Amino acid sequence: MTDSQKNYLIVTPVKNEGVNLPDLIRSIASQTLKPVLWVIVDDGSTDNTPDIIREAKKNYDWIESIQMNSDKRDLGLHLAKVVRTGFDFAIEHCNKNGIDYEYLANVDGDLTLDRTFFENLIKEFERDPELGVASGGIKLPVGDQMVHIEGLPEDEPSGGDMLIKRECFEKCGGIPVSYSWDSVLKAKAQLRGWKTRRFEENIATEIRGVSSAEGYWKGYMHKGTGAHYLNLHPFHVFVKTVIYLLHRRGKEPWYVGIAYLAGYLGSVMKRKEQVDDEEVRKYFWNKFWNKWKNINKLRLFKLRDQ
């Protein structure tokens, strides 16, 4: 494996991340394997985020930026467009400047990463040629402590610290303009025979809780809207609602399950649009039952071995 085959680029969408962005910049700059390009997409920040980006570009020649002009934070289709704009710019920049890369990463603006985060993830890709999408594990603030959130499905990498093999990225058509764009990308990768994995020993630390940038109620309403958009089976939505109510991660309030269900039911009653990609619709409609079948198969194999 040559050095160029370890190259990766990063895209980070930000909006009013002046408090968190300096920590992320320090953690990327301290990576044992640094990116060949990092594109920070500023989606209309009104705080000191633009100043922080300008200073970072002076210090690191592998940082570029894009300025967009959205007037409010939007976690839906707009976010997917922002992320896609960032990746389109990054790819074009690499092509124009002869920069070779093998992997593409999306990193949220409120994270910090272990120093060996990307080096270790790339080693996982090198071990398994069928691996297409990967992430690390997550730590969240809970009171005065940072808690490692465990027990998440190993084939469900997080979108906020996601690394994608270039070949997989291209065969999936790049970043989809969709609610929960990362979920759609993972679905397309699996449908094309790629493995998707999360590696818990590589830690990404979130400064704030998931979906809390605009408040937990709005965040989980958005998750419910996304569930309808992706065509999740109603029983799958019901199970996720119960999980959110009974097994909350970190410091989420008790009502996040209700917000999730309200977002889903509101979208159903208003007959909001759904993803028009038929293979993606079928994937998410059958996702729960396929996982259930796989769990039962695993139990059967264990019983046979006893």
Protein backbone atom coordinates (compact mmCIF):
# COMPACT_ATOMS: atom_id res chain seq x y z
CA MET A 1 0.00 0.00 0.00
CA THR A 2 1.58 3.28 -1.16
CA ASP A 3 1.30 6.53 0.77
CA SER A 4 -1.09 7.99 -1.84
CA GLN A 5 -3.47 5.08 -1.23
CA LYS A 6 -3.83 6.27 2.36
CA ASN A 7 -4.83 9.79 1.28
CA TYR A 8 -8.18 11.13 2.39
CA LEU A 9 -10.13 14.36 2.16
CA ILE A 10 -12.61 15.78 4.66
CA VAL A 11 -15.76 17.87 4.30
CA THR A 12 -17.25 19.65 7.34
CA PRO A 13 -20.51 21.62 7.18
CA VAL A 14 -20.72 24.29 9.89
CA LYS A 15 -23.13 26.96 11.05
CA ASN A 16 -22.36 29.10 14.11
CA GLU A 17 -19.77 26.65 15.44
CA GLY A 18 -17.45 29.32 16.80
CA VAL A 19 -17.34 27.65 20.21
CA ASN A 20 -16.62 24.14 18.92
CA LEU A 21 -14.70 24.58 15.65
CA PRO A 22 -11.30 25.48 17.20
CA ASP A 23 -11.25 22.16 19.08
CA LEU A 24 -12.05 20.26 15.87
CA ILE A 25 -9.33 22.10 13.98
CA ARG A 26 -6.79 21.19 16.65
CA SER A 27 -7.85 17.53 16.58
CA ILE A 28 -7.60 17.31 12.77
CA ALA A 29 -4.23 19.10 12.77
CA SER A 30 -2.93 16.61 15.35
CA GLN A 31 -3.95 13.50 13.40
CA THR A 32 -1.11 11.02 12.93
CA LEU A 33 -2.29 10.73 9.32
CA LYS A 34 -3.37 14.16 8.08
CA PRO A 35 -5.84 14.85 5.25
CA VAL A 36 -4.69 15.99 1.83
CA LEU A 37 -7.63 18.42 1.80
CA TRP A 38 -10.20 19.68 4.30
CA VAL A 39 -13.13 21.70 2.96
CA ILE A 40 -15.11 23.59 5.60
CA VAL A 41 -18.53 24.70 4.30
CA ASP A 42 -19.82 27.71 6.23
CA ASP A 43 -23.59 27.77 5.82
CA GLY A 44 -24.24 31.41 6.70
CA SER A 45 -22.73 31.67 10.18
CA THR A 46 -23.46 34.88 12.08
CA ASP A 47 -20.93 34.32 14.88
CA ASN A 48 -17.11 34.27 14.65
CA THR A 49 -17.00 31.03 12.64
CA PRO A 50 -15.79 32.80 9.43
CA ASP A 51 -12.91 34.41 11.35
CA ILE A 52 -11.86 31.03 12.76
CA ILE A 53 -11.91 29.48 9.28
CA ARG A 54 -9.81 32.32 7.82
CA GLU A 55 -7.21 31.92 10.56
CA ALA A 56 -7.10 28.14 10.07
CA LYS A 57 -6.50 28.58 6.32
CA LYS A 58 -3.47 30.76 7.12
CA ASN A 59 -2.02 28.06 9.35
CA TYR A 60 -2.74 24.98 7.20
CA ASP A 61 -2.44 24.97 3.43
CA TRP A 62 -4.63 21.87 3.16
CA ILE A 63 -7.72 23.73 4.44
CA GLU A 64 -10.15 25.30 1.94
CA SER A 65 -13.58 26.80 2.54
CA ILE A 66 -16.89 27.63 0.90
CA GLN A 67 -19.26 30.37 2.01
CA MET A 68 -23.01 29.77 1.68
CA ASN A 69 -25.83 32.04 2.78
CA SER A 70 -28.60 30.11 4.47
CA ASP A 71 -30.53 32.17 7.02
CA LYS A 72 -31.40 29.31 9.39
CA ARG A 73 -30.20 25.88 10.48
CA ASP A 74 -31.91 23.14 8.45
CA LEU A 75 -31.24 19.45 9.16
CA GLY A 76 -33.30 18.19 6.19
CA LEU A 77 -32.76 18.37 2.45
CA HIS A 78 -30.82 21.62 2.78
CA LEU A 79 -28.14 19.95 4.90
CA ALA A 80 -27.71 17.25 2.25
CA LYS A 81 -27.26 19.97 -0.39
CA VAL A 82 -24.66 21.70 1.77
CA VAL A 83 -22.73 18.45 2.28
CA ARG A 84 -22.94 17.57 -1.42
CA THR A 85 -21.71 21.05 -2.37
CA GLY A 86 -18.72 20.50 -0.11
CA PHE A 87 -17.83 17.14 -1.62
CA ASP A 88 -18.35 18.39 -5.19
CA PHE A 89 -15.97 21.27 -4.46
CA ALA A 90 -13.41 18.97 -2.81
CA ILE A 91 -13.41 16.50 -5.68
CA GLU A 92 -13.11 19.27 -8.28
CA HIS A 93 -10.28 20.89 -6.30
CA CYS A 94 -8.38 17.59 -6.15
CA ASN A 95 -8.88 16.98 -9.87
CA LYS A 96 -7.67 20.47 -10.81
CA ASN A 97 -4.62 20.31 -8.55
CA GLY A 98 -3.59 16.70 -9.17
CA ILE A 99 -4.31 15.64 -5.58
CA ASP A 100 -4.82 11.90 -5.28
CA TYR A 101 -7.12 10.44 -2.62
CA GLU A 102 -8.53 7.05 -1.73
CA TYR A 103 -11.08 8.00 0.95
CA LEU A 104 -13.62 10.74 1.64
CA ALA A 105 -14.74 11.76 5.12
CA ASN A 106 -17.64 13.73 6.56
CA VAL A 107 -16.88 15.21 9.98
CA ASP A 108 -19.38 17.29 11.95
CA GLY A 109 -18.29 20.66 13.31
CA ASP A 110 -18.94 19.82 16.97
CA LEU A 111 -16.60 16.82 17.21
CA THR A 112 -13.08 16.13 18.33
CA LEU A 113 -11.28 12.99 17.16
CA ASP A 114 -8.65 10.71 18.69
CA ARG A 115 -5.19 11.42 17.24
CA THR A 116 -5.08 8.04 15.48
CA PHE A 117 -8.71 8.16 14.34
CA PHE A 118 -8.15 8.23 10.57
CA GLU A 119 -4.97 6.14 10.65
CA ASN A 120 -6.83 3.35 12.44
CA LEU A 121 -9.93 3.50 10.24
CA ILE A 122 -7.82 3.32 7.09
CA LYS A 123 -6.10 0.23 8.50
CA GLU A 124 -9.55 -1.38 8.76
CA PHE A 125 -10.16 -0.65 5.07
CA GLU A 126 -6.79 -2.16 4.21
CA ARG A 127 -7.65 -5.33 6.15
CA ASP A 128 -11.01 -5.76 4.41
CA PRO A 129 -11.28 -4.85 0.69
CA GLU A 130 -15.09 -5.20 0.91
CA LEU A 131 -15.38 -2.44 3.52
CA GLY A 132 -17.02 0.60 1.93
CA VAL A 133 -18.20 2.86 4.78
CA ALA A 134 -16.89 3.11 8.34
CA SER A 135 -17.00 5.29 11.44
CA GLY A 136 -15.70 5.26 14.97
CA GLY A 137 -17.48 5.07 18.28
CA ILE A 138 -19.14 8.02 19.98
CA LYS A 139 -18.67 9.75 23.33
CA LEU A 140 -21.35 12.14 24.58
CA PRO A 141 -21.45 14.59 27.49
CA VAL A 142 -23.51 13.26 30.41
CA GLY A 143 -23.36 15.59 33.37
CA ASP A 144 -19.71 16.17 34.15
CA GLN A 145 -18.51 13.06 32.31
CA MET A 146 -18.00 11.93 28.73
CA VAL A 147 -19.73 8.60 28.23
CA HIS A 148 -18.90 6.10 25.49
CA ILE A 149 -22.22 5.11 23.92
CA GLU A 150 -22.08 1.36 23.32
CA GLY A 151 -24.51 -1.25 22.04
CA LEU A 152 -25.21 0.41 18.67
CA PRO A 153 -25.44 -1.90 15.61
CA GLU A 154 -21.97 -2.66 14.27
CA ASP A 155 -23.17 -2.29 10.66
CA GLU A 156 -24.52 1.25 11.30
CA PRO A 157 -21.59 3.71 11.12
CA SER A 158 -22.28 7.24 12.34
CA GLY A 159 -22.75 9.92 9.69
CA GLY A 160 -20.92 12.61 11.64
CA ASP A 161 -17.53 10.85 11.61
CA MET A 162 -17.92 8.79 8.46
CA LEU A 163 -15.08 7.61 6.19
CA ILE A 164 -15.98 6.29 2.73
CA LYS A 165 -13.86 4.37 0.27
CA ARG A 166 -13.61 6.29 -3.01
CA GLU A 167 -14.74 3.37 -5.18
CA CYS A 168 -17.78 2.84 -2.96
CA PHE A 169 -18.56 6.58 -2.97
CA GLU A 170 -18.50 6.72 -6.76
CA LYS A 171 -20.56 3.55 -7.27
CA CYS A 172 -23.21 4.94 -4.89
CA GLY A 173 -23.46 8.15 -6.91
CA GLY A 174 -21.86 10.39 -4.30
CA ILE A 175 -23.82 12.26 -1.62
CA PRO A 176 -27.59 11.80 -2.12
CA VAL A 177 -29.76 14.91 -1.78
CA SER A 178 -32.09 13.34 0.75
CA TYR A 179 -33.25 13.48 4.33
CA SER A 180 -30.78 11.42 6.38
CA TRP A 181 -28.34 11.46 3.47
CA ASP A 182 -25.88 9.30 5.41
CA SER A 183 -28.51 6.58 5.92
CA VAL A 184 -29.29 6.56 2.20
CA LEU A 185 -25.59 6.35 1.34
CA LYS A 186 -25.13 3.39 3.72
CA ALA A 187 -28.17 1.68 2.19
CA LYS A 188 -26.82 2.12 -1.33
CA ALA A 189 -23.42 0.81 -0.24
CA GLN A 190 -24.96 -2.34 1.28
CA LEU A 191 -27.17 -2.88 -1.77
CA ARG A 192 -24.04 -2.82 -3.92
CA GLY A 193 -22.29 -5.43 -1.81
CA TRP A 194 -20.12 -3.19 0.37
CA LYS A 195 -19.75 -3.70 4.10
CA THR A 196 -20.59 -0.85 6.49
CA ARG A 197 -19.06 -0.91 9.97
CA ARG A 198 -18.46 1.13 13.11
CA PHE A 199 -15.25 0.56 15.04
CA GLU A 200 -15.90 1.50 18.65
CA GLU A 201 -12.26 1.73 19.72
CA ASN A 202 -11.76 4.82 17.50
CA ILE A 203 -13.47 7.61 19.39
CA ALA A 204 -15.22 10.73 18.11
CA THR A 205 -16.30 12.97 20.99
CA GLU A 206 -19.40 15.12 20.56
CA ILE A 207 -19.40 18.47 22.35
CA ARG A 208 -23.19 18.58 22.42
CA GLY A 209 -25.81 15.84 22.35
CA VAL A 210 -27.12 14.42 19.10
CA SER A 211 -29.92 16.53 17.55
CA SER A 212 -29.55 19.22 20.22
CA ALA A 213 -28.28 22.09 18.06
CA GLU A 214 -31.85 23.37 17.59
CA GLY A 215 -33.30 21.66 20.66
CA TYR A 216 -34.09 18.00 21.26
CA TRP A 217 -37.75 18.34 20.28
CA LYS A 218 -36.95 19.74 16.83
CA GLY A 219 -34.06 17.32 16.41
CA TYR A 220 -36.14 14.22 17.04
CA MET A 221 -39.07 15.62 15.06
CA HIS A 222 -36.60 15.78 12.19
CA LYS A 223 -35.63 12.14 12.78
CA GLY A 224 -39.31 11.16 12.57
CA THR A 225 -39.76 13.17 9.38
CA GLY A 226 -36.72 11.40 7.97
CA ALA A 227 -38.18 8.00 8.90
CA HIS A 228 -41.26 8.76 6.81
CA TYR A 229 -39.18 10.17 3.96
CA LEU A 230 -37.06 7.00 3.84
CA ASN A 231 -40.18 4.75 3.93
CA LEU A 232 -39.48 2.93 7.21
CA HIS A 233 -42.08 0.30 8.04
CA PRO A 234 -44.59 1.57 10.69
CA PHE A 235 -43.65 -1.29 13.03
CA HIS A 236 -39.99 -0.27 12.72
CA VAL A 237 -40.98 3.30 13.67
CA PHE A 238 -42.94 1.98 16.66
CA VAL A 239 -39.94 -0.04 17.91
CA LYS A 240 -37.62 2.96 17.53
CA THR A 241 -40.11 5.12 19.43
CA VAL A 242 -40.10 2.65 22.34
CA ILE A 243 -36.29 2.52 22.29
CA TYR A 244 -36.04 6.32 22.39
CA LEU A 245 -38.49 6.42 25.31
CA LEU A 246 -36.88 3.67 27.38
CA HIS A 247 -33.20 3.61 26.39
CA ARG A 248 -32.15 7.21 25.93
CA ARG A 249 -28.51 7.87 25.06
CA GLY A 250 -26.66 10.29 27.25
CA LYS A 251 -28.73 13.18 28.60
CA GLU A 252 -31.70 13.30 26.19
CA PRO A 253 -34.96 14.25 27.91
CA TRP A 254 -37.76 11.72 28.31
CA TYR A 255 -39.91 13.14 25.51
CA VAL A 256 -37.58 12.48 22.56
CA GLY A 257 -39.54 9.36 21.60
CA ILE A 258 -42.75 11.37 21.47
CA ALA A 259 -41.07 13.99 19.29
CA TYR A 260 -39.81 11.27 16.94
CA LEU A 261 -43.27 9.72 16.62
CA ALA A 262 -44.89 13.14 16.17
CA GLY A 263 -42.50 13.92 13.31
CA TYR A 264 -43.32 10.64 11.63
CA LEU A 265 -47.12 10.81 12.08
CA GLY A 266 -47.21 14.48 11.06
CA SER A 267 -45.43 13.61 7.81
CA VAL A 268 -47.82 10.70 7.16
CA MET A 269 -50.94 12.83 7.74
CA LYS A 270 -49.61 15.68 5.58
CA ARG A 271 -48.60 13.17 2.90
CA LYS A 272 -45.16 14.66 2.66
CA GLU A 273 -42.88 13.52 -0.12
CA GLN A 274 -40.85 10.34 0.20
CA VAL A 275 -37.62 9.25 -1.39
CA ASP A 276 -38.25 8.51 -5.07
CA ASP A 277 -35.44 5.96 -5.37
CA GLU A 278 -37.25 2.61 -5.49
CA GLU A 279 -34.31 0.51 -4.31
CA VAL A 280 -33.89 2.77 -1.28
CA ARG A 281 -37.64 2.67 -0.53
CA LYS A 282 -37.63 -1.14 -0.55
CA TYR A 283 -34.45 -1.30 1.53
CA PHE A 284 -35.85 0.79 4.37
CA TRP A 285 -39.32 -0.80 4.24
CA ASN A 286 -37.76 -4.23 4.74
CA LYS A 287 -34.85 -3.17 6.96
CA PHE A 288 -36.39 -4.17 10.30
CA TRP A 289 -37.55 -7.58 9.10
CA ASN A 290 -34.20 -8.34 7.47
CA LYS A 291 -32.40 -7.52 10.72
CA TRP A 292 -34.88 -9.68 12.64
CA LYS A 293 -34.24 -12.61 10.28
CA ASN A 294 -30.48 -12.22 10.66
CA ILE A 295 -30.77 -12.20 14.47
CA ASN A 296 -32.85 -15.37 14.41
CA LYS A 297 -30.39 -17.05 12.05
CA LEU A 298 -27.55 -16.20 14.42
CA ARG A 299 -29.48 -17.64 17.36
CA LEU A 300 -30.17 -20.82 15.39
CA PHE A 301 -26.47 -21.26 14.57
CA LYS A 302 -25.58 -20.78 18.24
CA LEU A 303 -28.12 -23.42 19.28
CA ARG A 304 -26.71 -25.85 16.74
CA ASP A 305 -23.22 -25.33 18.13
CA GLN A 306 -24.29 -26.05 21.71
